[in-house]
Amino acid sequence: MFVAWTTVGSRTEAERLAEGSVAQRLAACAQVEGPVVSFYHWEGKLERAEEYRVWFKYVPANASALSIWVHNHHPYATPQWVEIAAENVSEKYLSWVLANSTPAPFPESKST
């Protein structure tokens, strides 16, 4: 199982990313937390911003598709995207993650 996270500037944006990734079955679970306070340099200035962190839990087969999806739907020009492999995951939780994930590529969309 993998875990990844990103940050955005509002709860609405965070919930949109969380809900969309789960609706597409790219992530089995996404969690929103915050606000968190971030300090960073941007365009030569020290910045301080309130942001919301979105955590994604997903299977390795979805790593590339989820990353692409998040980057395509993220409001920032340079979004934070950090992925790590979870080394110790309870058997029941891992089974649930596997049951609630569709392997990449993206699920087919309905024609309109």
Protein backbone atom coordinates (compact mmCIF):
# COMPACT_ATOMS: atom_id res chain seq x y z
CA MET A 1 0.00 0.00 0.00
CA PHE A 2 1.12 3.56 -0.68
CA VAL A 3 0.34 6.79 1.15
CA ALA A 4 0.68 10.21 -0.48
CA TRP A 5 -0.21 13.75 0.42
CA THR A 6 -0.62 17.20 -0.98
CA THR A 7 -1.78 20.57 0.32
CA VAL A 8 -4.23 23.12 -1.05
CA GLY A 9 -5.45 26.55 0.00
CA SER A 10 -9.02 25.76 1.04
CA ARG A 11 -11.14 23.03 2.57
CA THR A 12 -13.34 23.07 -0.54
CA GLU A 13 -10.35 22.33 -2.81
CA ALA A 14 -9.11 19.62 -0.42
CA GLU A 15 -12.50 17.93 -0.28
CA ARG A 16 -12.81 18.11 -4.08
CA LEU A 17 -9.49 16.29 -4.51
CA ALA A 18 -10.29 13.77 -1.78
CA GLU A 19 -13.78 12.96 -3.04
CA GLY A 20 -12.76 12.88 -6.71
CA SER A 21 -9.86 10.49 -6.17
CA VAL A 22 -12.06 8.08 -4.21
CA ALA A 23 -14.96 8.42 -6.67
CA GLN A 24 -12.55 7.43 -9.47
CA ARG A 25 -11.35 4.53 -7.25
CA LEU A 26 -7.77 5.74 -7.63
CA ALA A 27 -7.53 5.99 -3.83
CA ALA A 28 -9.33 3.67 -1.44
CA CYS A 29 -9.43 6.46 1.14
CA ALA A 30 -8.60 10.15 1.23
CA GLN A 31 -8.54 12.26 4.37
CA VAL A 32 -8.59 16.03 4.78
CA GLU A 33 -6.98 17.74 7.74
CA GLY A 34 -6.30 21.30 8.65
CA PRO A 35 -5.84 24.01 8.50
CA VAL A 36 -2.10 23.60 8.84
CA VAL A 37 0.28 26.53 8.66
CA SER A 38 2.94 26.28 5.97
CA PHE A 39 6.10 28.36 5.66
CA TYR A 40 8.04 28.26 2.39
CA HIS A 41 9.91 30.37 -0.15
CA TRP A 42 7.99 31.21 -3.32
CA GLU A 43 9.22 33.53 -6.06
CA GLY A 44 11.98 34.89 -3.81
CA LYS A 45 9.79 35.66 -0.79
CA LEU A 46 9.21 33.87 2.49
CA GLU A 47 5.53 32.92 2.55
CA ARG A 48 3.14 31.84 5.29
CA ALA A 49 -0.15 30.23 4.34
CA GLU A 50 -2.98 28.29 5.88
CA GLU A 51 -3.48 25.11 3.90
CA TYR A 52 -5.38 21.85 4.06
CA ARG A 53 -3.57 18.54 3.75
CA VAL A 54 -5.08 15.69 1.79
CA TRP A 55 -3.85 12.16 2.52
CA PHE A 56 -4.40 9.39 -0.02
CA LYS A 57 -4.19 5.63 0.63
CA TYR A 58 -3.94 3.46 -2.47
CA VAL A 59 -2.49 0.38 -4.11
CA PRO A 60 0.85 0.55 -5.97
CA ALA A 61 -0.89 -0.22 -9.28
CA ASN A 62 -2.69 3.15 -8.99
CA ALA A 63 0.38 5.26 -8.16
CA SER A 64 0.95 6.73 -11.60
CA ALA A 65 -2.74 7.25 -12.41
CA LEU A 66 -3.43 8.92 -9.04
CA SER A 67 -0.42 11.21 -9.37
CA ILE A 68 -1.49 12.28 -12.86
CA TRP A 69 -5.10 12.78 -11.73
CA VAL A 70 -4.10 14.89 -8.70
CA HIS A 71 -1.71 17.03 -10.76
CA ASN A 72 -4.39 17.56 -13.43
CA HIS A 73 -6.97 18.64 -10.84
CA HIS A 74 -4.71 20.53 -8.42
CA PRO A 75 -5.11 24.32 -8.19
CA TYR A 76 -1.39 25.03 -7.59
CA ALA A 77 1.15 25.53 -10.38
CA THR A 78 3.67 23.47 -8.39
CA PRO A 79 1.74 21.13 -6.12
CA GLN A 80 3.34 19.26 -3.27
CA TRP A 81 3.17 15.53 -4.03
CA VAL A 82 4.92 13.08 -1.73
CA GLU A 83 4.46 9.30 -1.95
CA ILE A 84 5.71 6.68 0.46
CA ALA A 85 5.35 2.93 0.64
CA ALA A 86 3.66 1.83 3.84
CA GLU A 87 5.76 -1.01 5.20
CA ASN A 88 3.51 -2.18 8.02
CA VAL A 89 -0.23 -2.23 7.33
CA SER A 90 -2.73 -4.32 9.24
CA GLU A 91 -4.00 -7.27 7.23
CA LYS A 92 -7.66 -6.25 7.55
CA TYR A 93 -7.02 -2.66 6.48
CA LEU A 94 -4.86 -3.73 3.55
CA SER A 95 -7.60 -6.14 2.42
CA TRP A 96 -10.09 -3.28 2.57
CA VAL A 97 -7.77 -1.02 0.52
CA LEU A 98 -7.35 -3.73 -2.11
CA ALA A 99 -11.11 -4.33 -2.29
CA ASN A 100 -11.81 -0.62 -2.78
CA SER A 101 -9.27 0.19 -5.47
CA THR A 102 -9.50 -0.22 -9.19
CA PRO A 103 -6.15 -0.86 -10.85
CA ALA A 104 -4.82 1.80 -13.23
CA PRO A 105 -5.49 2.99 -15.89
CA PHE A 106 -8.45 5.20 -15.10
CA PRO A 107 -11.89 3.58 -15.00
CA GLU A 108 -13.79 4.16 -18.22
CA SER A 109 -16.00 7.24 -18.14
CA LYS A 110 -19.64 7.13 -19.11
CA SER A 111 -20.36 8.60 -22.51
CA THR A 112 -22.49 11.71 -22.53
